[in-house]
Amino acid sequence: MKKLKTFALLGLSLLFLSSCSFPGLASNDSENTIGITGGITSETQILANLVSGMIKHYTDLDTTIINNLATTTINHQAMMNKDASISAARYTGTDLTTTLGLPAEKDPKKAFDTVKTEFEKRYHQTWFSSYGFDNTYVFLVRKDTAEKYNLKKVSDLKKHAGELKAGVDTAWITREGDGYDGFKETYGFEFSSILPMQIGLVYDAVEAGKMDIVLGYSTDGRIASYDLVMLEDDLHFFPPYDAAAIATDEVLAKNPKIRTALKRLEGTINTREMQKLNYRADNDLVEPSVIAEDFLKQHNYFEKE
């Protein structure tokens, strides 16, 4: 009953957000200041700062980053409400099923082509090409857990799902297509104990032994720092989640240099590079703004063309 109440409240919250602008955010997007949505993870905040840094350097515009938007739905609504003109960290697989309500697509090119076409048609928004990495979901366990239960792939969990406490991203529980319901249908089992939690907390939870298994992101730097084991998605349930920026056609038409700035970030960050950037934030506790500035300087983005 508590779970049903929680999901009902979440649904009401999203319904409210769909019809209202976010309090205090309306002034973040204007003629001279570009609102950029980030997120609650280090990765989304680093990407938002990369986009911000490029726009500030290559245009005469200022920027405001809107962090702590916990889900794709909320990021999308901020764009639709004109609280922001750019969303710095969007993922093809998530927007395909969540925002567009279309079936999951396992082919990366088809997934990208679909979101690019549909976002232009439905929302007058432009998807830029991927930054160069795919941040897919991955189930993670400690080494001792993997050895105890002989876990190498997700299918191996079926025999032990009743014994393991699982921590997963709150948004994943109710998401259609690539969420928990789809997972249960594909793999044929469910966890007897599952706790929805903020995605940023799952790594510490499993490392500390509070959870036996968690669902995390493949580019997270804590996977290496905590020496966690990634279980192979042997039934290929999770679709591609190529990361990219989105901008409204309106802001690109008014400020053509924004397009040039964002295109310079296409195909420049691979998975290993993103893990390193995330590690600096999550392990070394370096601010995302500093990480982004260092990356842009080290890769000569601030040199004159």
Protein backbone atom coordinates (compact mmCIF):
# COMPACT_ATOMS: atom_id res chain seq x y z
CA MET A 1 0.00 0.00 0.00
CA LYS A 2 2.86 2.41 0.82
CA LYS A 3 4.37 1.76 -2.61
CA LEU A 4 1.06 2.48 -4.30
CA LYS A 5 0.71 5.74 -2.40
CA THR A 6 4.27 6.74 -3.32
CA PHE A 7 3.72 6.06 -7.02
CA ALA A 8 0.39 7.90 -6.93
CA LEU A 9 2.04 10.96 -5.42
CA LEU A 10 4.80 10.80 -8.03
CA GLY A 11 2.19 10.72 -10.78
CA LEU A 12 0.36 13.71 -9.34
CA SER A 13 3.64 15.61 -9.05
CA LEU A 14 4.46 15.02 -12.72
CA LEU A 15 0.94 16.04 -13.74
CA PHE A 16 1.36 19.29 -11.82
CA LEU A 17 4.75 19.95 -13.40
CA SER A 18 3.38 19.39 -16.89
CA SER A 19 1.06 22.38 -16.56
CA CYS A 20 3.21 24.80 -14.56
CA SER A 21 6.54 26.50 -14.94
CA PHE A 22 9.10 25.75 -12.29
CA PRO A 23 8.96 28.30 -9.49
CA GLY A 24 11.87 30.70 -9.65
CA LEU A 25 13.14 29.46 -13.01
CA ALA A 26 11.22 31.63 -15.43
CA SER A 27 13.93 34.31 -15.49
CA ASN A 28 16.71 31.83 -16.29
CA ASP A 29 16.14 32.01 -20.04
CA SER A 30 16.11 35.40 -21.76
CA GLU A 31 17.50 37.26 -24.76
CA ASN A 32 21.00 37.49 -23.30
CA THR A 33 21.00 34.61 -20.81
CA ILE A 34 20.56 31.02 -21.96
CA GLY A 35 19.01 28.57 -19.52
CA ILE A 36 20.65 25.13 -19.57
CA THR A 37 19.20 22.12 -17.75
CA GLY A 38 21.59 19.78 -15.99
CA GLY A 39 20.56 17.09 -13.54
CA ILE A 40 21.29 15.48 -10.19
CA THR A 41 24.29 13.36 -11.26
CA SER A 42 27.89 14.47 -11.65
CA GLU A 43 27.77 13.53 -15.32
CA THR A 44 24.78 15.68 -16.18
CA GLN A 45 26.26 18.62 -14.27
CA ILE A 46 29.65 18.23 -15.96
CA LEU A 47 27.99 18.17 -19.38
CA ALA A 48 25.91 21.23 -18.50
CA ASN A 49 29.08 23.09 -17.56
CA LEU A 50 30.80 21.99 -20.78
CA VAL A 51 27.90 23.40 -22.79
CA SER A 52 27.89 26.56 -20.69
CA GLY A 53 31.63 27.06 -21.14
CA MET A 54 31.42 26.66 -24.91
CA ILE A 55 28.52 29.08 -25.25
CA LYS A 56 30.19 31.72 -23.09
CA HIS A 57 33.43 31.41 -25.05
CA TYR A 58 32.03 31.33 -28.59
CA THR A 59 29.14 33.78 -28.18
CA ASP A 60 28.40 37.03 -26.36
CA LEU A 61 25.72 35.33 -24.28
CA ASP A 62 25.60 34.49 -20.60
CA THR A 63 24.24 31.20 -19.25
CA THR A 64 22.41 29.86 -16.23
CA ILE A 65 22.59 26.17 -15.32
CA ILE A 66 19.49 24.63 -13.75
CA ASN A 67 20.60 21.60 -11.74
CA ASN A 68 18.71 19.18 -9.50
CA LEU A 69 16.11 18.28 -12.14
CA ALA A 70 15.81 14.64 -11.19
CA THR A 71 14.21 13.04 -14.26
CA THR A 72 14.09 13.26 -18.03
CA THR A 73 10.42 14.21 -17.78
CA ILE A 74 11.22 17.25 -15.63
CA ASN A 75 14.09 18.28 -17.93
CA HIS A 76 11.77 18.01 -20.91
CA GLN A 77 9.06 20.03 -19.19
CA ALA A 78 11.54 22.79 -18.35
CA MET A 79 12.27 23.08 -22.07
CA MET A 80 8.60 23.03 -23.02
CA ASN A 81 7.80 25.72 -20.44
CA LYS A 82 10.66 27.86 -21.82
CA ASP A 83 12.44 27.83 -18.48
CA ALA A 84 15.45 26.66 -20.52
CA SER A 85 16.48 26.58 -24.18
CA ILE A 86 19.12 23.86 -23.94
CA SER A 87 19.16 20.49 -22.23
CA ALA A 88 22.78 19.43 -21.90
CA ALA A 89 22.45 15.76 -20.98
CA ARG A 90 19.78 13.73 -22.71
CA TYR A 91 19.93 10.04 -23.52
CA THR A 92 18.43 8.47 -26.63
CA GLY A 93 16.99 5.34 -25.00
CA THR A 94 15.29 7.26 -22.21
CA ASP A 95 13.74 9.98 -24.37
CA LEU A 96 12.59 7.42 -26.93
CA THR A 97 10.44 5.53 -24.43
CA THR A 98 9.69 8.15 -21.78
CA THR A 99 9.24 11.45 -23.61
CA LEU A 100 8.08 10.10 -26.96
CA GLY A 101 6.26 7.05 -25.63
CA LEU A 102 7.69 4.84 -28.38
CA PRO A 103 8.91 1.23 -28.12
CA ALA A 104 12.51 0.67 -27.05
CA GLU A 105 14.98 0.39 -29.92
CA LYS A 106 18.13 -1.72 -29.58
CA ASP A 107 19.87 -0.30 -32.66
CA PRO A 108 21.80 2.89 -31.68
CA LYS A 109 21.48 4.57 -35.09
CA LYS A 110 17.76 3.89 -35.36
CA ALA A 111 17.23 5.16 -31.81
CA PHE A 112 19.07 8.41 -32.55
CA ASP A 113 17.39 8.96 -35.91
CA THR A 114 13.98 8.46 -34.30
CA VAL A 115 14.46 10.90 -31.42
CA LYS A 116 16.04 13.48 -33.74
CA THR A 117 13.14 13.29 -36.20
CA GLU A 118 10.35 13.13 -33.62
CA PHE A 119 11.70 15.94 -31.41
CA GLU A 120 11.94 18.21 -34.44
CA LYS A 121 8.43 17.34 -35.55
CA ARG A 122 6.70 17.39 -32.16
CA TYR A 123 8.63 19.97 -30.16
CA HIS A 124 10.73 22.01 -32.64
CA GLN A 125 13.88 20.95 -30.84
CA THR A 126 17.20 19.86 -32.35
CA TRP A 127 19.13 16.81 -31.17
CA PHE A 128 22.87 17.18 -31.62
CA SER A 129 24.97 14.09 -32.31
CA SER A 130 26.26 12.12 -29.33
CA TYR A 131 29.12 13.42 -27.22
CA GLY A 132 30.69 10.05 -28.03
CA PHE A 133 29.61 7.74 -25.21
CA ASP A 134 26.69 5.49 -24.31
CA ASN A 135 25.70 5.65 -20.65
CA THR A 136 23.58 2.57 -20.29
CA TYR A 137 22.14 1.03 -17.17
CA VAL A 138 24.19 -1.76 -15.60
CA PHE A 139 23.61 -4.01 -12.60
CA LEU A 140 26.47 -3.82 -10.10
CA VAL A 141 27.57 -6.05 -7.22
CA ARG A 142 30.58 -6.21 -4.94
CA LYS A 143 33.24 -8.78 -5.79
CA ASP A 144 32.41 -10.89 -2.74
CA THR A 145 28.75 -11.01 -3.78
CA ALA A 146 29.67 -12.00 -7.33
CA GLU A 147 31.89 -14.80 -6.04
CA LYS A 148 29.38 -16.03 -3.45
CA TYR A 149 26.53 -16.39 -5.95
CA ASN A 150 28.67 -16.96 -9.08
CA LEU A 151 27.26 -13.88 -10.78
CA LYS A 152 28.59 -12.91 -14.20
CA LYS A 153 25.49 -11.95 -16.14
CA VAL A 154 22.02 -10.68 -15.28
CA SER A 155 20.41 -14.06 -15.98
CA ASP A 156 22.48 -15.50 -13.12
CA LEU A 157 20.40 -13.40 -10.71
CA LYS A 158 17.26 -15.44 -11.34
CA LYS A 159 18.26 -18.18 -8.88
CA HIS A 160 19.06 -15.69 -6.12
CA ALA A 161 16.66 -12.76 -6.67
CA GLY A 162 14.72 -13.74 -3.55
CA GLU A 163 17.85 -13.39 -1.40
CA LEU A 164 19.23 -10.11 -2.69
CA LYS A 165 18.33 -6.56 -1.68
CA ALA A 166 18.26 -4.36 -4.76
CA GLY A 167 18.60 -0.57 -4.96
CA VAL A 168 17.49 1.09 -8.19
CA ASP A 169 16.92 4.52 -9.70
CA THR A 170 13.55 5.88 -8.57
CA ALA A 171 12.59 6.87 -12.13
CA TRP A 172 13.33 3.37 -13.43
CA ILE A 173 10.66 1.73 -11.27
CA THR A 174 7.72 3.31 -13.08
CA ARG A 175 9.23 4.03 -16.50
CA GLU A 176 7.57 2.31 -19.44
CA GLY A 177 9.52 0.38 -22.04
CA ASP A 178 12.96 0.10 -20.46
CA GLY A 179 11.81 0.18 -16.84
CA TYR A 180 11.19 -2.47 -14.18
CA ASP A 181 8.04 -3.95 -15.75
CA GLY A 182 9.84 -4.52 -19.04
CA PHE A 183 12.81 -5.98 -17.20
CA LYS A 184 10.63 -8.51 -15.37
CA GLU A 185 9.01 -9.56 -18.62
CA THR A 186 12.34 -10.00 -20.42
CA TYR A 187 14.30 -11.78 -17.68
CA GLY A 188 11.42 -13.64 -16.05
CA PHE A 189 12.04 -12.71 -12.43
CA GLU A 190 11.67 -9.88 -9.94
CA PHE A 191 13.53 -8.91 -6.80
CA SER A 192 11.72 -9.74 -3.56
CA SER A 193 13.24 -6.64 -1.95
CA ILE A 194 13.69 -3.54 -4.10
CA LEU A 195 14.30 0.01 -2.89
CA PRO A 196 13.80 3.06 -5.13
CA MET A 197 16.51 5.65 -4.45
CA GLN A 198 18.33 8.55 -6.06
CA ILE A 199 20.73 7.20 -8.65
CA GLY A 200 23.66 9.01 -7.06
CA LEU A 201 23.24 7.05 -3.83
CA VAL A 202 23.28 3.50 -5.20
CA TYR A 203 27.07 3.15 -5.44
CA ASP A 204 27.72 4.02 -1.81
CA ALA A 205 24.80 1.80 -0.77
CA VAL A 206 26.21 -1.32 -2.41
CA GLU A 207 29.81 -0.57 -1.43
CA ALA A 208 28.76 -0.17 2.22
CA GLY A 209 26.76 -3.41 2.17
CA LYS A 210 23.37 -1.75 2.61
CA MET A 211 22.34 -3.19 -0.77
CA ASP A 212 23.42 -6.46 -2.37
CA ILE A 213 22.90 -5.29 -5.92
CA VAL A 214 22.19 -1.91 -7.49
CA LEU A 215 21.33 -0.50 -10.88
CA GLY A 216 23.84 2.15 -11.89
CA TYR A 217 25.26 3.93 -14.91
CA SER A 218 28.09 2.42 -16.97
CA THR A 219 30.10 5.65 -17.07
CA ASP A 220 30.13 6.26 -13.32
CA GLY A 221 33.66 6.64 -11.95
CA ARG A 222 32.77 4.89 -8.70
CA ILE A 223 32.50 1.55 -10.49
CA ALA A 224 36.28 1.47 -10.72
CA SER A 225 37.01 3.20 -7.43
CA TYR A 226 34.78 0.76 -5.48
CA ASP A 227 35.97 -2.21 -7.57
CA LEU A 228 32.39 -3.18 -8.41
CA VAL A 229 31.49 -5.98 -10.81
CA MET A 230 29.29 -5.14 -13.80
CA LEU A 231 26.87 -7.91 -14.77
CA GLU A 232 26.48 -8.55 -18.49
CA ASP A 233 23.06 -7.69 -19.91
CA ASP A 234 23.00 -11.06 -21.69
CA LEU A 235 19.42 -10.72 -22.99
CA HIS A 236 20.16 -7.20 -24.30
CA PHE A 237 17.27 -5.62 -22.42
CA PHE A 238 18.67 -2.12 -22.00
CA PRO A 239 18.56 -0.05 -25.19
CA PRO A 240 21.33 2.39 -26.18
CA TYR A 241 21.57 5.55 -24.12
CA ASP A 242 23.79 7.77 -26.24
CA ALA A 243 24.29 11.12 -24.52
CA ALA A 244 23.67 14.33 -26.44
CA ALA A 245 22.55 17.93 -26.10
CA ILE A 246 19.18 19.29 -27.23
CA ALA A 247 18.41 22.90 -28.14
CA THR A 248 15.23 24.64 -29.20
CA ASP A 249 15.04 25.64 -32.85
CA GLU A 250 14.16 29.13 -31.65
CA VAL A 251 17.38 29.69 -29.72
CA LEU A 252 19.47 28.27 -32.58
CA ALA A 253 17.79 30.57 -35.09
CA LYS A 254 18.38 33.63 -32.91
CA ASN A 255 21.95 32.64 -32.02
CA PRO A 256 23.62 30.63 -34.83
CA LYS A 257 26.93 30.53 -32.95
CA ILE A 258 25.32 28.27 -30.34
CA ARG A 259 24.97 25.58 -33.00
CA THR A 260 28.65 25.90 -33.87
CA ALA A 261 29.66 25.72 -30.21
CA LEU A 262 27.57 22.62 -29.49
CA LYS A 263 28.68 20.81 -32.64
CA ARG A 264 32.28 21.12 -31.49
CA LEU A 265 31.41 18.84 -28.56
CA GLU A 266 30.03 16.06 -30.78
CA GLY A 267 32.02 12.81 -30.72
CA THR A 268 34.70 14.15 -28.37
CA ILE A 269 34.12 12.17 -25.13
CA ASN A 270 34.31 8.37 -25.09
CA THR A 271 33.11 6.14 -22.24
CA ARG A 272 36.51 5.88 -20.56
CA GLU A 273 36.97 9.66 -20.70
CA MET A 274 33.54 10.20 -19.15
CA GLN A 275 34.35 7.73 -16.38
CA LYS A 276 37.49 9.74 -15.60
CA LEU A 277 35.55 13.00 -15.48
CA ASN A 278 32.91 11.44 -13.24
CA TYR A 279 35.61 9.96 -11.00
CA ARG A 280 37.08 13.41 -10.38
CA ALA A 281 33.67 14.61 -9.24
CA ASP A 282 32.56 11.62 -7.19
CA ASN A 283 35.88 10.44 -5.73
CA ASP A 284 38.07 13.56 -5.68
CA LEU A 285 35.10 15.87 -4.97
CA VAL A 286 36.11 18.38 -7.65
CA GLU A 287 33.31 20.75 -8.67
CA PRO A 288 31.70 19.96 -12.06
CA SER A 289 32.39 23.52 -13.23
CA VAL A 290 36.13 23.06 -12.57
CA ILE A 291 36.18 19.65 -14.28
CA ALA A 292 34.47 21.09 -17.35
CA GLU A 293 36.80 24.08 -17.57
CA ASP A 294 39.87 21.84 -17.21
CA PHE A 295 38.61 19.53 -19.96
CA LEU A 296 37.95 22.39 -22.37
CA LYS A 297 41.34 23.95 -21.71
CA GLN A 298 43.24 20.65 -21.98
CA HIS A 299 41.58 19.87 -25.31
CA ASN A 300 42.21 23.35 -26.71
CA TYR A 301 38.58 24.37 -27.03
CA PHE A 302 39.43 27.88 -25.91
CA GLU A 303 42.04 28.50 -28.59
CA LYS A 304 41.12 30.98 -31.29
CA GLU A 305 39.91 29.39 -34.50
